[in-house]
C-alpha atoms as a PDB file:
ATOM      1  CA  MET A   1     -41.228   4.036   5.635  1.00  0.00           C
ATOM      2  CA  GLU A   2     -39.223   0.811   6.105  1.00  0.00           C
ATOM      3  CA  PHE A   3     -39.529  -0.015   2.414  1.00  0.00           C
ATOM      4  CA  ARG A   4     -38.298   3.412   1.335  1.00  0.00           C
ATOM      5  CA  VAL A   5     -35.267   3.151   3.634  1.00  0.00           C
ATOM      6  CA  LEU A   6     -34.464  -0.325   2.304  1.00  0.00           C
ATOM      7  CA  ARG A   7     -34.693   0.829  -1.294  1.00  0.00           C
ATOM      8  CA  ARG A   8     -32.389   3.751  -0.605  1.00  0.00           C
ATOM      9  CA  LEU A   9     -29.773   1.808   1.378  1.00  0.00           C
ATOM     10  CA  PHE A  10     -29.971  -1.482  -0.553  1.00  0.00           C
ATOM     11  CA  PRO A  11     -30.915  -0.790  -4.183  1.00  0.00           C
ATOM     12  CA  ALA A  12     -29.629  -4.266  -5.137  1.00  0.00           C
ATOM     13  CA  ASP A  13     -29.597  -7.662  -3.441  1.00  0.00           C
ATOM     14  CA  PRO A  14     -26.508  -7.891  -1.158  1.00  0.00           C
ATOM     15  CA  ASN A  15     -26.572 -11.680  -1.749  1.00  0.00           C
ATOM     16  CA  ARG A  16     -25.176 -12.509   1.668  1.00  0.00           C
ATOM     17  CA  LEU A  17     -25.729 -16.271   1.201  1.00  0.00           C
ATOM     18  CA  SER A  18     -24.174 -16.628  -2.238  1.00  0.00           C
ATOM     19  CA  GLY A  19     -22.648 -20.081  -1.724  1.00  0.00           C
ATOM     20  CA  GLU A  20     -19.076 -18.810  -2.188  1.00  0.00           C
ATOM     21  CA  TYR A  21     -18.180 -20.639   1.033  1.00  0.00           C
ATOM     22  CA  TYR A  22     -18.312 -23.925  -0.898  1.00  0.00           C
ATOM     23  CA  ALA A  23     -16.139 -22.777  -3.824  1.00  0.00           C
ATOM     24  CA  GLY A  24     -13.627 -25.514  -4.566  1.00  0.00           C
ATOM     25  CA  ARG A  25     -15.023 -27.737  -1.797  1.00  0.00           C
ATOM     26  CA  SER A  26     -17.445 -30.626  -1.627  1.00  0.00           C
ATOM     27  CA  LYS A  27     -20.619 -29.390   0.060  1.00  0.00           C
ATOM     28  CA  LEU A  28     -21.330 -32.953   1.186  1.00  0.00           C
ATOM     29  CA  LYS A  29     -17.966 -33.242   2.918  1.00  0.00           C
ATOM     30  CA  VAL A  30     -18.419 -29.854   4.569  1.00  0.00           C
ATOM     31  CA  HIS A  31     -21.831 -30.842   5.954  1.00  0.00           C
ATOM     32  CA  LEU A  32     -21.438 -34.570   6.590  1.00  0.00           C
ATOM     33  CA  GLY A  33     -17.733 -35.163   7.133  1.00  0.00           C
ATOM     34  CA  GLU A  34     -14.692 -36.168   5.117  1.00  0.00           C
ATOM     35  CA  ASP A  35     -15.690 -39.842   5.205  1.00  0.00           C
ATOM     36  CA  ILE A  36     -19.168 -39.384   3.729  1.00  0.00           C
ATOM     37  CA  PHE A  37     -18.409 -40.970   0.365  1.00  0.00           C
ATOM     38  CA  GLU A  38     -16.897 -44.040   2.048  1.00  0.00           C
ATOM     39  CA  ARG A  39     -20.144 -44.389   4.016  1.00  0.00           C
ATOM     40  CA  LEU A  40     -22.277 -44.081   0.867  1.00  0.00           C
ATOM     41  CA  ARG A  41     -20.179 -46.268  -1.443  1.00  0.00           C
ATOM     42  CA  GLY A  42     -22.200 -49.148  -2.881  1.00  0.00           C
ATOM     43  CA  LYS A  43     -25.404 -47.929  -1.201  1.00  0.00           C
ATOM     44  CA  THR A  44     -28.772 -46.704  -2.441  1.00  0.00           C
ATOM     45  CA  VAL A  45     -28.987 -43.029  -1.493  1.00  0.00           C
ATOM     46  CA  VAL A  46     -31.867 -40.544  -1.696  1.00  0.00           C
ATOM     47  CA  ASP A  47     -30.921 -36.852  -1.869  1.00  0.00           C
ATOM     48  CA  PHE A  48     -34.151 -35.315  -0.519  1.00  0.00           C
ATOM     49  CA  GLY A  49     -34.600 -31.697  -1.579  1.00  0.00           C
ATOM     50  CA  CYS A  50     -31.935 -32.067  -4.254  1.00  0.00           C
ATOM     51  CA  GLY A  51     -32.519 -28.741  -6.015  1.00  0.00           C
ATOM     52  CA  GLN A  52     -30.390 -28.614  -9.140  1.00  0.00           C
ATOM     53  CA  GLY A  53     -28.917 -32.033  -8.405  1.00  0.00           C
ATOM     54  CA  HIS A  54     -25.249 -31.194  -7.903  1.00  0.00           C
ATOM     55  CA  GLN A  55     -24.904 -33.337  -4.776  1.00  0.00           C
ATOM     56  CA  THR A  56     -27.000 -36.167  -6.272  1.00  0.00           C
ATOM     57  CA  ILE A  57     -24.594 -36.401  -9.190  1.00  0.00           C
ATOM     58  CA  GLU A  58     -21.534 -36.166  -6.946  1.00  0.00           C
ATOM     59  CA  ILE A  59     -22.859 -39.013  -4.783  1.00  0.00           C
ATOM     60  CA  ALA A  60     -23.265 -41.180  -7.895  1.00  0.00           C
ATOM     61  CA  GLN A  61     -19.830 -40.309  -9.238  1.00  0.00           C
ATOM     62  CA  GLN A  62     -18.230 -41.092  -5.879  1.00  0.00           C
ATOM     63  CA  GLY A  63     -19.427 -44.687  -5.859  1.00  0.00           C
ATOM     64  CA  ALA A  64     -23.029 -44.999  -4.660  1.00  0.00           C
ATOM     65  CA  ALA A  65     -24.845 -47.917  -6.279  1.00  0.00           C
ATOM     66  CA  LEU A  66     -27.830 -45.647  -6.979  1.00  0.00           C
ATOM     67  CA  SER A  67     -28.247 -41.925  -6.238  1.00  0.00           C
ATOM     68  CA  ILE A  68     -31.805 -40.578  -6.410  1.00  0.00           C
ATOM     69  CA  GLY A  69     -32.466 -36.847  -6.328  1.00  0.00           C
ATOM     70  CA  VAL A  70     -35.888 -35.895  -5.009  1.00  0.00           C
ATOM     71  CA  ASP A  71     -37.518 -32.471  -5.178  1.00  0.00           C
ATOM     72  CA  VAL A  72     -40.959 -30.929  -5.609  1.00  0.00           C
ATOM     73  CA  ARG A  73     -39.898 -28.392  -8.257  1.00  0.00           C
ATOM     74  CA  GLU A  74     -40.292 -30.025 -11.657  1.00  0.00           C
ATOM     75  CA  GLU A  75     -38.217 -27.427 -13.538  1.00  0.00           C
ATOM     76  CA  LEU A  76     -35.207 -28.157 -11.305  1.00  0.00           C
ATOM     77  CA  LEU A  77     -35.610 -31.900 -11.759  1.00  0.00           C
ATOM     78  CA  VAL A  78     -35.602 -31.504 -15.540  1.00  0.00           C
ATOM     79  CA  ALA A  79     -32.435 -29.384 -15.402  1.00  0.00           C
ATOM     80  CA  ALA A  80     -30.805 -31.841 -12.990  1.00  0.00           C
ATOM     81  CA  GLY A  81     -31.610 -34.762 -15.286  1.00  0.00           C
ATOM     82  CA  GLU A  82     -29.888 -32.960 -18.142  1.00  0.00           C
ATOM     83  CA  LYS A  83     -26.786 -32.391 -15.994  1.00  0.00           C
ATOM     84  CA  ALA A  84     -26.737 -36.097 -15.103  1.00  0.00           C
ATOM     85  CA  ALA A  85     -26.540 -37.280 -18.724  1.00  0.00           C
ATOM     86  CA  GLY A  86     -23.834 -39.935 -18.833  1.00  0.00           C
ATOM     87  CA  VAL A  87     -24.139 -40.748 -15.114  1.00  0.00           C
ATOM     88  CA  PRO A  88     -26.255 -43.937 -15.241  1.00  0.00           C
ATOM     89  CA  ASN A  89     -26.516 -44.428 -11.472  1.00  0.00           C
ATOM     90  CA  ALA A  90     -28.078 -40.984 -10.902  1.00  0.00           C
ATOM     91  CA  THR A  91     -31.791 -40.347 -11.403  1.00  0.00           C
ATOM     92  CA  PHE A  92     -34.352 -37.740 -10.351  1.00  0.00           C
ATOM     93  CA  LEU A  93     -37.939 -38.061  -9.090  1.00  0.00           C
ATOM     94  CA  ASN A  94     -40.686 -35.686  -7.981  1.00  0.00           C
ATOM     95  CA  SER A  95     -41.406 -36.123  -4.266  1.00  0.00           C
ATOM     96  CA  THR A  96     -45.154 -35.728  -4.833  1.00  0.00           C
ATOM     97  CA  ARG A  97     -45.131 -38.929  -6.905  1.00  0.00           C
ATOM     98  CA  LEU A  98     -42.572 -40.882  -4.942  1.00  0.00           C
ATOM     99  CA  GLY A  99     -44.591 -42.621  -2.248  1.00  0.00           C
ATOM    100  CA  THR A 100     -42.794 -44.619   0.457  1.00  0.00           C
ATOM    101  CA  THR A 101     -41.213 -47.839  -0.734  1.00  0.00           C
ATOM    102  CA  GLN A 102     -38.487 -48.560   1.892  1.00  0.00           C
ATOM    103  CA  PHE A 103     -35.552 -49.050  -0.433  1.00  0.00           C
ATOM    104  CA  ALA A 104     -32.834 -46.589   0.628  1.00  0.00           C
ATOM    105  CA  ASP A 105     -29.817 -47.270   2.816  1.00  0.00           C
ATOM    106  CA  PHE A 106     -29.365 -43.530   3.329  1.00  0.00           C
ATOM    107  CA  VAL A 107     -31.538 -40.457   2.913  1.00  0.00           C
ATOM    108  CA  LEU A 108     -29.684 -37.146   2.883  1.00  0.00           C
ATOM    109  CA  SER A 109     -31.231 -33.709   3.379  1.00  0.00           C
ATOM    110  CA  ILE A 110     -28.699 -30.917   2.829  1.00  0.00           C
ATOM    111  CA  ASP A 111     -29.654 -27.252   3.254  1.00  0.00           C
ATOM    112  CA  ALA A 112     -33.284 -28.107   2.600  1.00  0.00           C
ATOM    113  CA  PHE A 113     -35.100 -28.567   5.900  1.00  0.00           C
ATOM    114  CA  GLU A 114     -35.648 -24.848   6.414  1.00  0.00           C
ATOM    115  CA  HIS A 115     -37.410 -24.707   3.031  1.00  0.00           C
ATOM    116  CA  PHE A 116     -39.960 -27.541   3.198  1.00  0.00           C
ATOM    117  CA  ALA A 117     -43.550 -26.296   3.174  1.00  0.00           C
ATOM    118  CA  ASP A 118     -44.516 -29.286   5.355  1.00  0.00           C
ATOM    119  CA  PRO A 119     -41.392 -30.313   7.307  1.00  0.00           C
ATOM    120  CA  GLU A 120     -43.340 -32.796   9.445  1.00  0.00           C
ATOM    121  CA  GLY A 121     -44.658 -34.510   6.327  1.00  0.00           C
ATOM    122  CA  ALA A 122     -41.212 -34.438   4.695  1.00  0.00           C
ATOM    123  CA  LEU A 123     -39.680 -36.155   7.723  1.00  0.00           C
ATOM    124  CA  ARG A 124     -42.336 -38.866   7.625  1.00  0.00           C
ATOM    125  CA  GLN A 125     -41.704 -39.393   3.917  1.00  0.00           C
ATOM    126  CA  MET A 126     -37.964 -39.704   4.503  1.00  0.00           C
ATOM    127  CA  TYR A 127     -38.654 -42.310   7.192  1.00  0.00           C
ATOM    128  CA  GLY A 128     -40.808 -44.275   4.770  1.00  0.00           C
ATOM    129  CA  LEU A 129     -38.078 -44.317   2.114  1.00  0.00           C
ATOM    130  CA  LEU A 130     -35.522 -45.973   4.377  1.00  0.00           C
ATOM    131  CA  LYS A 131     -34.905 -49.660   4.842  1.00  0.00           C
ATOM    132  CA  PRO A 132     -35.070 -50.872   8.463  1.00  0.00           C
ATOM    133  CA  GLY A 133     -31.811 -49.772  10.062  1.00  0.00           C
ATOM    134  CA  GLY A 134     -31.278 -47.109   7.397  1.00  0.00           C
ATOM    135  CA  LEU A 135     -29.974 -43.646   8.239  1.00  0.00           C
ATOM    136  CA  LEU A 136     -31.273 -40.154   7.569  1.00  0.00           C
ATOM    137  CA  LEU A 137     -28.506 -37.534   7.617  1.00  0.00           C
ATOM    138  CA  VAL A 138     -29.771 -33.950   7.908  1.00  0.00           C
ATOM    139  CA  SER A 139     -27.717 -30.776   7.771  1.00  0.00           C
ATOM    140  CA  PHE A 140     -29.058 -27.286   7.225  1.00  0.00           C
ATOM    141  CA  GLY A 141     -28.545 -23.671   8.135  1.00  0.00           C
ATOM    142  CA  PRO A 142     -28.776 -20.924   8.931  1.00  0.00           C
ATOM    143  CA  PRO A 143     -31.763 -21.543  11.230  1.00  0.00           C
ATOM    144  CA  TRP A 144     -34.432 -18.889  11.531  1.00  0.00           C
ATOM    145  CA  LEU A 145     -32.955 -16.845  14.418  1.00  0.00           C
ATOM    146  CA  HIS A 146     -29.414 -16.793  12.990  1.00  0.00           C
ATOM    147  CA  PRO A 147     -28.333 -13.264  11.922  1.00  0.00           C
ATOM    148  CA  LEU A 148     -28.952 -14.292   8.299  1.00  0.00           C
ATOM    149  CA  GLY A 149     -31.798 -16.696   9.040  1.00  0.00           C
ATOM    150  CA  GLY A 150     -34.066 -14.783   6.695  1.00  0.00           C
ATOM    151  CA  HIS A 151     -32.018 -16.037   3.728  1.00  0.00           C
ATOM    152  CA  ALA A 152     -33.081 -13.943   0.724  1.00  0.00           C
ATOM    153  CA  PHE A 153     -34.621 -11.403   3.125  1.00  0.00           C
ATOM    154  CA  SER A 154     -31.445 -10.989   5.186  1.00  0.00           C
ATOM    155  CA  VAL A 155     -30.618  -7.536   3.879  1.00  0.00           C
ATOM    156  CA  PHE A 156     -28.532  -7.019   7.030  1.00  0.00           C
ATOM    157  CA  PRO A 157     -28.118  -9.172  10.168  1.00  0.00           C
ATOM    158  CA  TRP A 158     -31.466  -9.964  11.811  1.00  0.00           C
ATOM    159  CA  SER A 159     -33.316  -7.731   9.339  1.00  0.00           C
ATOM    160  CA  HIS A 160     -35.980 -10.454   9.020  1.00  0.00           C
ATOM    161  CA  LYS A 161     -36.742 -10.001  12.726  1.00  0.00           C
ATOM    162  CA  LEU A 162     -36.249  -6.233  12.988  1.00  0.00           C
ATOM    163  CA  LEU A 163     -38.244  -5.185   9.917  1.00  0.00           C
ATOM    164  CA  SER A 164     -41.769  -6.051   8.861  1.00  0.00           C
ATOM    165  CA  GLU A 165     -42.447  -8.953   6.554  1.00  0.00           C
ATOM    166  CA  GLN A 166     -44.438  -6.617   4.311  1.00  0.00           C
ATOM    167  CA  ALA A 167     -41.521  -4.197   3.844  1.00  0.00           C
ATOM    168  CA  LEU A 168     -39.015  -6.978   3.154  1.00  0.00           C
ATOM    169  CA  CYS A 169     -41.313  -8.638   0.638  1.00  0.00           C
ATOM    170  CA  ARG A 170     -41.845  -5.298  -1.134  1.00  0.00           C
ATOM    171  CA  TRP A 171     -38.066  -4.797  -1.221  1.00  0.00           C
ATOM    172  CA  HIS A 172     -37.520  -8.320  -2.584  1.00  0.00           C
ATOM    173  CA  ASN A 173     -40.193  -7.757  -5.231  1.00  0.00           C
ATOM    174  CA  ALA A 174     -38.523  -4.531  -6.298  1.00  0.00           C
ATOM    175  CA  VAL A 175     -34.974  -5.882  -6.610  1.00  0.00           C
ATOM    176  CA  GLN A 176     -35.811  -9.395  -7.859  1.00  0.00           C
ATOM    177  CA  GLN A 177     -38.984  -8.706  -9.886  1.00  0.00           C
ATOM    178  CA  THR A 178     -41.011 -11.148  -7.790  1.00  0.00           C
ATOM    179  CA  HIS A 179     -44.556 -10.913  -6.431  1.00  0.00           C
ATOM    180  CA  LEU A 180     -44.254 -12.129  -2.851  1.00  0.00           C
ATOM    181  CA  LEU A 181     -46.582 -11.409   0.044  1.00  0.00           C
ATOM    182  CA  ARG A 182     -45.004 -13.745   2.618  1.00  0.00           C
ATOM    183  CA  PHE A 183     -41.559 -15.221   3.308  1.00  0.00           C
ATOM    184  CA  GLU A 184     -42.937 -18.700   2.594  1.00  0.00           C
ATOM    185  CA  GLU A 185     -43.586 -17.716  -1.034  1.00  0.00           C
ATOM    186  CA  ALA A 186     -39.892 -17.142  -1.831  1.00  0.00           C
ATOM    187  CA  ASP A 187     -38.197 -19.454  -4.319  1.00  0.00           C
ATOM    188  CA  GLY A 188     -37.765 -22.780  -2.540  1.00  0.00           C
ATOM    189  CA  GLY A 189     -39.920 -21.612   0.382  1.00  0.00           C
ATOM    190  CA  LEU A 190     -38.865 -20.505   3.856  1.00  0.00           C
ATOM    191  CA  ASN A 191     -40.602 -22.174   6.792  1.00  0.00           C
ATOM    192  CA  ARG A 192     -38.945 -20.231   9.681  1.00  0.00           C
ATOM    193  CA  MET A 193     -37.303 -23.344  11.118  1.00  0.00           C
ATOM    194  CA  THR A 194     -35.819 -22.795  14.581  1.00  0.00           C
ATOM    195  CA  ILE A 195     -33.664 -25.176  16.585  1.00  0.00           C
ATOM    196  CA  ALA A 196     -36.474 -25.741  19.078  1.00  0.00           C
ATOM    197  CA  ARG A 197     -38.951 -26.582  16.320  1.00  0.00           C
ATOM    198  CA  PHE A 198     -36.548 -29.011  14.651  1.00  0.00           C
ATOM    199  CA  GLN A 199     -35.863 -30.758  17.942  1.00  0.00           C
ATOM    200  CA  ALA A 200     -39.606 -31.059  18.568  1.00  0.00           C
ATOM    201  CA  LEU A 201     -40.081 -32.609  15.111  1.00  0.00           C
ATOM    202  CA  ALA A 202     -37.305 -35.080  15.858  1.00  0.00           C
ATOM    203  CA  ARG A 203     -38.832 -36.082  19.201  1.00  0.00           C
ATOM    204  CA  LEU A 204     -42.230 -36.725  17.607  1.00  0.00           C
ATOM    205  CA  SER A 205     -40.801 -38.630  14.627  1.00  0.00           C
ATOM    206  CA  PRO A 206     -40.985 -42.433  14.367  1.00  0.00           C
ATOM    207  CA  PHE A 207     -37.189 -42.824  14.206  1.00  0.00           C
ATOM    208  CA  ARG A 208     -35.825 -45.075  16.934  1.00  0.00           C
ATOM    209  CA  ARG A 209     -32.606 -43.137  17.456  1.00  0.00           C
ATOM    210  CA  VAL A 210     -31.902 -39.430  16.904  1.00  0.00           C
ATOM    211  CA  SER A 211     -28.703 -37.462  17.447  1.00  0.00           C
ATOM    212  CA  ILE A 212     -28.629 -33.667  16.894  1.00  0.00           C
ATOM    213  CA  THR A 213     -25.496 -31.516  16.868  1.00  0.00           C
ATOM    214  CA  LEU A 214     -25.423 -27.714  16.745  1.00  0.00           C
ATOM    215  CA  VAL A 215     -22.552 -25.978  14.963  1.00  0.00           C
ATOM    216  CA  PRO A 216     -21.889 -22.486  16.375  1.00  0.00           C
ATOM    217  CA  ILE A 217     -21.129 -19.410  14.294  1.00  0.00           C
ATOM    218  CA  ARG A 218     -17.330 -19.272  14.406  1.00  0.00           C
ATOM    219  CA  LYS A 219     -17.107 -15.622  15.456  1.00  0.00           C
ATOM    220  CA  LEU A 220     -19.717 -16.177  18.172  1.00  0.00           C
ATOM    221  CA  ARG A 221     -18.438 -19.534  19.430  1.00  0.00           C
ATOM    222  CA  ARG A 222     -17.529 -18.176  22.873  1.00  0.00           C
ATOM    223  CA  PHE A 223     -21.111 -16.959  23.347  1.00  0.00           C
ATOM    224  CA  HIS A 224     -22.758 -20.184  22.168  1.00  0.00           C
ATOM    225  CA  HIS A 225     -24.634 -22.027  24.917  1.00  0.00           C
ATOM    226  CA  ARG A 226     -28.097 -23.345  25.737  1.00  0.00           C
ATOM    227  CA  ILE A 227     -29.668 -19.909  26.224  1.00  0.00           C
ATOM    228  CA  THR A 228     -28.128 -18.175  23.192  1.00  0.00           C
ATOM    229  CA  ARG A 229     -28.015 -21.102  20.772  1.00  0.00           C
ATOM    230  CA  GLU A 230     -30.940 -19.915  18.620  1.00  0.00           C
ATOM    231  CA  LEU A 231     -29.006 -16.713  17.866  1.00  0.00           C
ATOM    232  CA  THR A 232     -25.498 -18.173  17.587  1.00  0.00           C
ATOM    233  CA  THR A 233     -25.927 -21.472  15.712  1.00  0.00           C
ATOM    234  CA  ALA A 234     -24.694 -21.627  12.121  1.00  0.00           C
ATOM    235  CA  ALA A 235     -25.951 -25.106  11.217  1.00  0.00           C
ATOM    236  CA  ILE A 236     -27.900 -28.053  12.568  1.00  0.00           C
ATOM    237  CA  HIS A 237     -26.740 -31.619  11.948  1.00  0.00           C
ATOM    238  CA  GLY A 238     -28.943 -34.609  12.657  1.00  0.00           C
ATOM    239  CA  GLU A 239     -28.565 -38.377  12.328  1.00  0.00           C
ATOM    240  CA  PHE A 240     -31.787 -40.402  12.482  1.00  0.00           C
ATOM    241  CA  GLU A 241     -31.836 -44.214  12.517  1.00  0.00           C
ATOM    242  CA  LYS A 242     -34.922 -46.131  11.437  1.00  0.00           C
END
């Protein structure tokens, strides 16, 4: 029944998280502040969960000594490497073959933490990549209980919580020609990361200092507080010092 209603009301993907918000803007500045490139200039930077490598290349072009894009999806790394032709201080590596070598001044994780299949393991790997005193800067959203926290399954606000996973996967398969059985199987993965879970990961991590900031949904700012934050937070920012 749910699937039939979805197919009738939403015959195509509404694409509510299209990325248009960043049109004409630096995603890194939006997430990490206007001074981010000054902070990274002359440094060795790892872009963990780099996807197609746009931010990795931007970091290199804005003055980092070395910008390293890391991802688990080999096809994206190949495409990113092609985009980076002519940018000698940008390179791309598969996270499954990276190891932990303690060479980075900064590790960045932008709009990736909600997609890691093993977020605990990813956080440990990021720690291992940093020099002593190095910084991990994390920013991602929307978290799982945000109105659009279901990402590709957010047909309408909170649909990922109001409708069954089976119906939403069937709908996604029909409109995107995929073969999904669970949210986690979507392109890039979806690990259902909540604020509480991220804070628990941070507390259990080996980092010696952690600072987490919650950015409220602008239209719901007046309702954003400790009790409602899971429902009214647009993004999570974290700074972790090794």
